[in-house]
Amino acid sequence: MQQTAMYIIRIAQTLTDADAGWFEGLTIYPQAGAETLLLTPPIDQTGLHGILATLRDLGIPLVAVFQVGLPPRQEATHAL
């Protein structure tokens, strides 16, 4: 089972209403300087790669990706 986390994705473009339709489920925060922050819900690595592939396919420049909301650390159990 893959762990999930939330991500903040910074892109170097202001999204139009038409562009926003490609990112349903993400929270979009326009920023000064023609940048946008996208906040994901908890997703796994496959979901993250899907979003990054959409950005690539649309030709939207990626600035940074930050992982936030890490899942609680699980202690390993060892059989004695």
PDB file of N, CA and C in Angstrom:
ATOM      1  N   MET A   1       0.843  -1.181   0.000  1.00  0.00           N
ATOM      2  CA  MET A   1       0.000   0.000   0.000  1.00  0.00           C
ATOM      3  C   MET A   1       0.889   1.246   0.000  1.00  0.00           C
ATOM      4  N   GLN A   2       0.605   2.165  -0.913  1.00  0.00           N
ATOM      5  CA  GLN A   2       1.375   3.392  -0.985  1.00  0.00           C
ATOM      6  C   GLN A   2       0.865   4.387   0.047  1.00  0.00           C
ATOM      7  N   GLN A   3       1.797   5.134   0.633  1.00  0.00           N
ATOM      8  CA  GLN A   3       1.409   6.181   1.569  1.00  0.00           C
ATOM      9  C   GLN A   3       0.936   7.399   0.794  1.00  0.00           C
ATOM     10  N   THR A   4       0.077   8.155   1.414  1.00  0.00           N
ATOM     11  CA  THR A   4      -0.410   9.373   0.791  1.00  0.00           C
ATOM     12  C   THR A   4       0.126  10.589   1.526  1.00  0.00           C
ATOM     13  N   ALA A   5       0.175  11.686   0.821  1.00  0.00           N
ATOM     14  CA  ALA A   5       0.591  12.967   1.392  1.00  0.00           C
ATOM     15  C   ALA A   5      -0.076  14.060   0.566  1.00  0.00           C
ATOM     16  N   MET A   6      -0.039  15.260   1.101  1.00  0.00           N
ATOM     17  CA  MET A   6      -0.518  16.427   0.361  1.00  0.00           C
ATOM     18  C   MET A   6       0.701  17.112  -0.248  1.00  0.00           C
ATOM     19  N   TYR A   7       0.479  17.792  -1.362  1.00  0.00           N
ATOM     20  CA  TYR A   7       1.571  18.472  -2.048  1.00  0.00           C
ATOM     21  C   TYR A   7       1.165  19.888  -2.405  1.00  0.00           C
ATOM     22  N   ILE A   8       2.140  20.788  -2.357  1.00  0.00           N
ATOM     23  CA  ILE A   8       1.992  22.128  -2.913  1.00  0.00           C
ATOM     24  C   ILE A   8       2.849  22.148  -4.169  1.00  0.00           C
ATOM     25  N   ILE A   9       2.229  22.481  -5.280  1.00  0.00           N
ATOM     26  CA  ILE A   9       2.923  22.532  -6.563  1.00  0.00           C
ATOM     27  C   ILE A   9       2.923  23.987  -7.022  1.00  0.00           C
ATOM     28  N   ARG A  10       4.103  24.553  -7.225  1.00  0.00           N
ATOM     29  CA  ARG A  10       4.229  25.938  -7.694  1.00  0.00           C
ATOM     30  C   ARG A  10       4.506  25.899  -9.198  1.00  0.00           C
ATOM     31  N   ILE A  11       3.676  26.616  -9.953  1.00  0.00           N
ATOM     32  CA  ILE A  11       3.857  26.682 -11.400  1.00  0.00           C
ATOM     33  C   ILE A  11       4.078  28.131 -11.834  1.00  0.00           C
ATOM     34  N   ALA A  12       4.762  28.302 -12.943  1.00  0.00           N
ATOM     35  CA  ALA A  12       5.109  29.635 -13.439  1.00  0.00           C
ATOM     36  C   ALA A  12       4.101  30.083 -14.488  1.00  0.00           C
ATOM     37  N   GLN A  13       2.845  30.109 -14.086  1.00  0.00           N
ATOM     38  CA  GLN A  13       1.782  30.545 -14.988  1.00  0.00           C
ATOM     39  C   GLN A  13       0.539  30.834 -14.165  1.00  0.00           C
ATOM     40  N   THR A  14      -0.202  31.850 -14.580  1.00  0.00           N
ATOM     41  CA  THR A  14      -1.507  32.099 -13.990  1.00  0.00           C
ATOM     42  C   THR A  14      -2.506  31.231 -14.740  1.00  0.00           C
ATOM     43  N   LEU A  15      -3.283  30.446 -14.018  1.00  0.00           N
ATOM     44  CA  LEU A  15      -4.249  29.561 -14.667  1.00  0.00           C
ATOM     45  C   LEU A  15      -5.506  30.332 -15.053  1.00  0.00           C
ATOM     46  N   THR A  16      -5.997  30.069 -16.250  1.00  0.00           N
ATOM     47  CA  THR A  16      -7.275  30.617 -16.684  1.00  0.00           C
ATOM     48  C   THR A  16      -8.385  29.694 -16.195  1.00  0.00           C
ATOM     49  N   ASP A  17      -9.618  30.121 -16.321  1.00  0.00           N
ATOM     50  CA  ASP A  17     -10.741  29.257 -15.948  1.00  0.00           C
ATOM     51  C   ASP A  17     -10.715  27.969 -16.769  1.00  0.00           C
ATOM     52  N   ALA A  18     -10.333  28.073 -18.030  1.00  0.00           N
ATOM     53  CA  ALA A  18     -10.259  26.888 -18.887  1.00  0.00           C
ATOM     54  C   ALA A  18      -9.183  25.923 -18.397  1.00  0.00           C
ATOM     55  N   ASP A  19      -8.029  26.458 -17.989  1.00  0.00           N
ATOM     56  CA  ASP A  19      -6.951  25.614 -17.466  1.00  0.00           C
ATOM     57  C   ASP A  19      -7.360  24.932 -16.169  1.00  0.00           C
ATOM     58  N   ALA A  20      -8.099  25.643 -15.339  1.00  0.00           N
ATOM     59  CA  ALA A  20      -8.474  25.126 -14.021  1.00  0.00           C
ATOM     60  C   ALA A  20      -9.272  23.829 -14.128  1.00  0.00           C
ATOM     61  N   GLY A  21      -9.986  23.653 -15.226  1.00  0.00           N
ATOM     62  CA  GLY A  21     -10.754  22.430 -15.424  1.00  0.00           C
ATOM     63  C   GLY A  21      -9.899  21.176 -15.459  1.00  0.00           C
ATOM     64  N   TRP A  22      -8.626  21.317 -15.812  1.00  0.00           N
ATOM     65  CA  TRP A  22      -7.705  20.175 -15.844  1.00  0.00           C
ATOM     66  C   TRP A  22      -7.294  19.739 -14.443  1.00  0.00           C
ATOM     67  N   PHE A  23      -7.541  20.591 -13.443  1.00  0.00           N
ATOM     68  CA  PHE A  23      -7.037  20.332 -12.102  1.00  0.00           C
ATOM     69  C   PHE A  23      -8.165  20.220 -11.080  1.00  0.00           C
ATOM     70  N   GLU A  24      -9.229  19.559 -11.464  1.00  0.00           N
ATOM     71  CA  GLU A  24     -10.370  19.350 -10.572  1.00  0.00           C
ATOM     72  C   GLU A  24      -9.916  18.586  -9.331  1.00  0.00           C
ATOM     73  N   GLY A  25     -10.351  19.040  -8.175  1.00  0.00           N
ATOM     74  CA  GLY A  25      -9.977  18.409  -6.920  1.00  0.00           C
ATOM     75  C   GLY A  25      -8.806  19.087  -6.237  1.00  0.00           C
ATOM     76  N   LEU A  26      -8.087  19.947  -6.971  1.00  0.00           N
ATOM     77  CA  LEU A  26      -6.975  20.692  -6.382  1.00  0.00           C
ATOM     78  C   LEU A  26      -7.471  22.076  -5.987  1.00  0.00           C
ATOM     79  N   THR A  27      -6.874  22.639  -4.954  1.00  0.00           N
ATOM     80  CA  THR A  27      -7.171  24.010  -4.561  1.00  0.00           C
ATOM     81  C   THR A  27      -6.157  24.902  -5.257  1.00  0.00           C
ATOM     82  N   ILE A  28      -6.648  25.942  -5.934  1.00  0.00           N
ATOM     83  CA  ILE A  28      -5.805  26.809  -6.744  1.00  0.00           C
ATOM     84  C   ILE A  28      -5.664  28.167  -6.074  1.00  0.00           C
ATOM     85  N   TYR A  29      -4.404  28.588  -5.868  1.00  0.00           N
ATOM     86  CA  TYR A  29      -4.110  29.872  -5.241  1.00  0.00           C
ATOM     87  C   TYR A  29      -3.278  30.724  -6.194  1.00  0.00           C
ATOM     88  N   PRO A  30      -3.899  31.684  -6.898  1.00  0.00           N
ATOM     89  CA  PRO A  30      -3.111  32.589  -7.750  1.00  0.00           C
ATOM     90  C   PRO A  30      -2.133  33.394  -6.882  1.00  0.00           C
ATOM     91  N   GLN A  31      -0.935  33.633  -7.421  1.00  0.00           N
ATOM     92  CA  GLN A  31       0.108  34.364  -6.706  1.00  0.00           C
ATOM     93  C   GLN A  31       0.537  35.575  -7.533  1.00  0.00           C
ATOM     94  N   ALA A  32       1.202  36.496  -6.888  1.00  0.00           N
ATOM     95  CA  ALA A  32       1.766  37.640  -7.604  1.00  0.00           C
ATOM     96  C   ALA A  32       2.874  37.144  -8.535  1.00  0.00           C
ATOM     97  N   GLY A  33       3.102  37.877  -9.602  1.00  0.00           N
ATOM     98  CA  GLY A  33       4.197  37.523 -10.497  1.00  0.00           C
ATOM     99  C   GLY A  33       3.879  36.387 -11.440  1.00  0.00           C
ATOM    100  N   ALA A  34       2.626  36.216 -11.800  1.00  0.00           N
ATOM    101  CA  ALA A  34       2.210  35.195 -12.779  1.00  0.00           C
ATOM    102  C   ALA A  34       2.581  33.776 -12.346  1.00  0.00           C
ATOM    103  N   GLU A  35       2.454  33.499 -11.070  1.00  0.00           N
ATOM    104  CA  GLU A  35       2.646  32.144 -10.566  1.00  0.00           C
ATOM    105  C   GLU A  35       1.359  31.683  -9.903  1.00  0.00           C
ATOM    106  N   THR A  36       1.235  30.376  -9.745  1.00  0.00           N
ATOM    107  CA  THR A  36       0.070  29.773  -9.106  1.00  0.00           C
ATOM    108  C   THR A  36       0.542  28.653  -8.199  1.00  0.00           C
ATOM    109  N   LEU A  37      -0.115  28.515  -7.047  1.00  0.00           N
ATOM    110  CA  LEU A  37       0.100  27.364  -6.179  1.00  0.00           C
ATOM    111  C   LEU A  37      -1.085  26.426  -6.328  1.00  0.00           C
ATOM    112  N   LEU A  38      -0.795  25.141  -6.451  1.00  0.00           N
ATOM    113  CA  LEU A  38      -1.823  24.109  -6.481  1.00  0.00           C
ATOM    114  C   LEU A  38      -1.647  23.266  -5.226  1.00  0.00           C
ATOM    115  N   LEU A  39      -2.694  23.102  -4.448  1.00  0.00           N
ATOM    116  CA  LEU A  39      -2.660  22.265  -3.249  1.00  0.00           C
ATOM    117  C   LEU A  39      -3.468  21.019  -3.531  1.00  0.00           C
ATOM    118  N   THR A  40      -2.835  19.867  -3.385  1.00  0.00           N
ATOM    119  CA  THR A  40      -3.524  18.602  -3.646  1.00  0.00           C
ATOM    120  C   THR A  40      -4.219  18.108  -2.385  1.00  0.00           C
ATOM    121  N   PRO A  41      -5.248  17.298  -2.560  1.00  0.00           N
ATOM    122  CA  PRO A  41      -5.746  16.536  -1.421  1.00  0.00           C
ATOM    123  C   PRO A  41      -4.731  15.422  -1.141  1.00  0.00           C
ATOM    124  N   PRO A  42      -4.908  14.620  -0.100  1.00  0.00           N
ATOM    125  CA  PRO A  42      -3.983  13.499   0.110  1.00  0.00           C
ATOM    126  C   PRO A  42      -3.997  12.566  -1.105  1.00  0.00           C
ATOM    127  N   ILE A  43      -2.832  12.392  -1.722  1.00  0.00           N
ATOM    128  CA  ILE A  43      -2.694  11.524  -2.886  1.00  0.00           C
ATOM    129  C   ILE A  43      -1.441  10.677  -2.739  1.00  0.00           C
ATOM    130  N   ASP A  44      -1.365   9.601  -3.515  1.00  0.00           N
ATOM    131  CA  ASP A  44      -0.167   8.774  -3.508  1.00  0.00           C
ATOM    132  C   ASP A  44       0.758   9.232  -4.640  1.00  0.00           C
ATOM    133  N   GLN A  45       1.882   8.568  -4.788  1.00  0.00           N
ATOM    134  CA  GLN A  45       2.863   8.954  -5.796  1.00  0.00           C
ATOM    135  C   GLN A  45       2.291   8.857  -7.219  1.00  0.00           C
ATOM    136  N   THR A  46       1.444   7.892  -7.458  1.00  0.00           N
ATOM    137  CA  THR A  46       0.822   7.756  -8.778  1.00  0.00           C
ATOM    138  C   THR A  46      -0.032   8.973  -9.095  1.00  0.00           C
ATOM    139  N   GLY A  47      -0.794   9.444  -8.119  1.00  0.00           N
ATOM    140  CA  GLY A  47      -1.609  10.641  -8.310  1.00  0.00           C
ATOM    141  C   GLY A  47      -0.761  11.866  -8.573  1.00  0.00           C
ATOM    142  N   LEU A  48       0.346  12.001  -7.838  1.00  0.00           N
ATOM    143  CA  LEU A  48       1.248  13.128  -8.036  1.00  0.00           C
ATOM    144  C   LEU A  48       1.820  13.109  -9.447  1.00  0.00           C
ATOM    145  N   HIS A  49       2.265  11.952  -9.888  1.00  0.00           N
ATOM    146  CA  HIS A  49       2.833  11.851 -11.236  1.00  0.00           C
ATOM    147  C   HIS A  49       1.793  12.160 -12.304  1.00  0.00           C
ATOM    148  N   GLY A  50       0.536  11.832 -12.056  1.00  0.00           N
ATOM    149  CA  GLY A  50      -0.530  12.179 -13.000  1.00  0.00           C
ATOM    150  C   GLY A  50      -0.686  13.685 -13.139  1.00  0.00           C
ATOM    151  N   ILE A  51      -0.637  14.392 -12.017  1.00  0.00           N
ATOM    152  CA  ILE A  51      -0.736  15.863 -12.051  1.00  0.00           C
ATOM    153  C   ILE A  51       0.465  16.454 -12.780  1.00  0.00           C
ATOM    154  N   LEU A  52       1.657  15.952 -12.469  1.00  0.00           N
ATOM    155  CA  LEU A  52       2.868  16.464 -13.120  1.00  0.00           C
ATOM    156  C   LEU A  52       2.842  16.191 -14.622  1.00  0.00           C
ATOM    157  N   ALA A  53       2.308  15.046 -15.025  1.00  0.00           N
ATOM    158  CA  ALA A  53       2.197  14.733 -16.449  1.00  0.00           C
ATOM    159  C   ALA A  53       1.219  15.690 -17.138  1.00  0.00           C
ATOM    160  N   THR A  54       0.129  16.043 -16.453  1.00  0.00           N
ATOM    161  CA  THR A  54      -0.830  16.998 -17.023  1.00  0.00           C
ATOM    162  C   THR A  54      -0.163  18.354 -17.216  1.00  0.00           C
ATOM    163  N   LEU A  55       0.601  18.808 -16.219  1.00  0.00           N
ATOM    164  CA  LEU A  55       1.321  20.072 -16.356  1.00  0.00           C
ATOM    165  C   LEU A  55       2.260  20.020 -17.558  1.00  0.00           C
ATOM    166  N   ARG A  56       2.991  18.928 -17.690  1.00  0.00           N
ATOM    167  CA  ARG A  56       3.918  18.762 -18.818  1.00  0.00           C
ATOM    168  C   ARG A  56       3.170  18.804 -20.148  1.00  0.00           C
ATOM    169  N   ASP A  57       2.072  18.058 -20.228  1.00  0.00           N
ATOM    170  CA  ASP A  57       1.313  17.980 -21.469  1.00  0.00           C
ATOM    171  C   ASP A  57       0.719  19.327 -21.875  1.00  0.00           C
ATOM    172  N   LEU A  58       0.380  20.157 -20.884  1.00  0.00           N
ATOM    173  CA  LEU A  58      -0.172  21.486 -21.159  1.00  0.00           C
ATOM    174  C   LEU A  58       0.915  22.536 -21.387  1.00  0.00           C
ATOM    175  N   GLY A  59       2.180  22.143 -21.191  1.00  0.00           N
ATOM    176  CA  GLY A  59       3.288  23.076 -21.378  1.00  0.00           C
ATOM    177  C   GLY A  59       3.393  24.115 -20.284  1.00  0.00           C
ATOM    178  N   ILE A  60       2.902  23.781 -19.090  1.00  0.00           N
ATOM    179  CA  ILE A  60       2.948  24.712 -17.959  1.00  0.00           C
ATOM    180  C   ILE A  60       4.254  24.495 -17.198  1.00  0.00           C
ATOM    181  N   PRO A  61       5.073  25.532 -17.080  1.00  0.00           N
ATOM    182  CA  PRO A  61       6.372  25.384 -16.401  1.00  0.00           C
ATOM    183  C   PRO A  61       6.216  25.094 -14.904  1.00  0.00           C
ATOM    184  N   LEU A  62       6.923  24.082 -14.450  1.00  0.00           N
ATOM    185  CA  LEU A  62       6.940  23.693 -13.041  1.00  0.00           C
ATOM    186  C   LEU A  62       8.071  24.431 -12.342  1.00  0.00           C
ATOM    187  N   VAL A  63       7.761  25.037 -11.186  1.00  0.00           N
ATOM    188  CA  VAL A  63       8.781  25.741 -10.406  1.00  0.00           C
ATOM    189  C   VAL A  63       9.257  24.861  -9.256  1.00  0.00           C
ATOM    190  N   ALA A  64       8.328  24.278  -8.492  1.00  0.00           N
ATOM    191  CA  ALA A  64       8.709  23.483  -7.325  1.00  0.00           C
ATOM    192  C   ALA A  64       7.553  22.596  -6.891  1.00  0.00           C
ATOM    193  N   VAL A  65       7.899  21.521  -6.195  1.00  0.00           N
ATOM    194  CA  VAL A  65       6.918  20.626  -5.581  1.00  0.00           C
ATOM    195  C   VAL A  65       7.355  20.420  -4.135  1.00  0.00           C
ATOM    196  N   PHE A  66       6.426  20.649  -3.207  1.00  0.00           N
ATOM    197  CA  PHE A  66       6.694  20.471  -1.785  1.00  0.00           C
ATOM    198  C   PHE A  66       5.713  19.460  -1.212  1.00  0.00           C
ATOM    199  N   GLN A  67       6.220  18.513  -0.439  1.00  0.00           N
ATOM    200  CA  GLN A  67       5.347  17.566   0.252  1.00  0.00           C
ATOM    201  C   GLN A  67       4.980  18.165   1.601  1.00  0.00           C
ATOM    202  N   VAL A  68       3.698  18.178   1.908  1.00  0.00           N
ATOM    203  CA  VAL A  68       3.201  18.688   3.188  1.00  0.00           C
ATOM    204  C   VAL A  68       2.231  17.668   3.766  1.00  0.00           C
ATOM    205  N   GLY A  69       1.917  17.804   5.022  1.00  0.00           N
ATOM    206  CA  GLY A  69       0.944  16.903   5.633  1.00  0.00           C
ATOM    207  C   GLY A  69       1.397  15.462   5.615  1.00  0.00           C
ATOM    208  N   LEU A  70       2.637  15.230   6.033  1.00  0.00           N
ATOM    209  CA  LEU A  70       3.161  13.869   6.042  1.00  0.00           C
ATOM    210  C   LEU A  70       2.336  12.980   6.953  1.00  0.00           C
ATOM    211  N   PRO A  71       2.174  11.738   6.571  1.00  0.00           N
ATOM    212  CA  PRO A  71       1.437  10.829   7.453  1.00  0.00           C
ATOM    213  C   PRO A  71       2.223  10.599   8.733  1.00  0.00           C
ATOM    214  N   PRO A  72       1.548  10.255   9.827  1.00  0.00           N
ATOM    215  CA  PRO A  72       2.258   9.991  11.080  1.00  0.00           C
ATOM    216  C   PRO A  72       3.236   8.838  10.891  1.00  0.00           C
ATOM    217  N   ARG A  73       4.363   8.966  11.542  1.00  0.00           N
ATOM    218  CA  ARG A  73       5.380   7.922  11.446  1.00  0.00           C
ATOM    219  C   ARG A  73       4.890   6.671  12.154  1.00  0.00           C
ATOM    220  N   GLN A  74       5.038   5.562  11.479  1.00  0.00           N
ATOM    221  CA  GLN A  74       4.631   4.287  12.078  1.00  0.00           C
ATOM    222  C   GLN A  74       5.867   3.576  12.583  1.00  0.00           C
ATOM    223  N   GLU A  75       5.791   3.134  13.807  1.00  0.00           N
ATOM    224  CA  GLU A  75       6.898   2.410  14.409  1.00  0.00           C
ATOM    225  C   GLU A  75       6.942   0.992  13.853  1.00  0.00           C
ATOM    226  N   ALA A  76       8.105   0.553  13.507  1.00  0.00           N
ATOM    227  CA  ALA A  76       8.258  -0.808  13.006  1.00  0.00           C
ATOM    228  C   ALA A  76       8.121  -1.782  14.189  1.00  0.00           C
ATOM    229  N   THR A  77       7.483  -2.877  13.917  1.00  0.00           N
ATOM    230  CA  THR A  77       7.376  -3.912  14.942  1.00  0.00           C
ATOM    231  C   THR A  77       8.297  -5.072  14.547  1.00  0.00           C
ATOM    232  N   HIS A  78       9.009  -5.570  15.505  1.00  0.00           N
ATOM    233  CA  HIS A  78       9.957  -6.651  15.242  1.00  0.00           C
ATOM    234  C   HIS A  78       9.558  -7.865  16.076  1.00  0.00           C
ATOM    235  N   ALA A  79       9.549  -8.993  15.419  1.00  0.00           N
ATOM    236  CA  ALA A  79       9.287 -10.240  16.148  1.00  0.00           C
ATOM    237  C   ALA A  79      10.538 -10.631  16.913  1.00  0.00           C
ATOM    238  N   LEU A  80      10.368 -10.999  18.148  1.00  0.00           N
ATOM    239  CA  LEU A  80      11.528 -11.417  18.964  1.00  0.00           C
ATOM    240  C   LEU A  80      11.644 -12.890  19.004  1.00  0.00           C
TER     241      LEU A  80
END
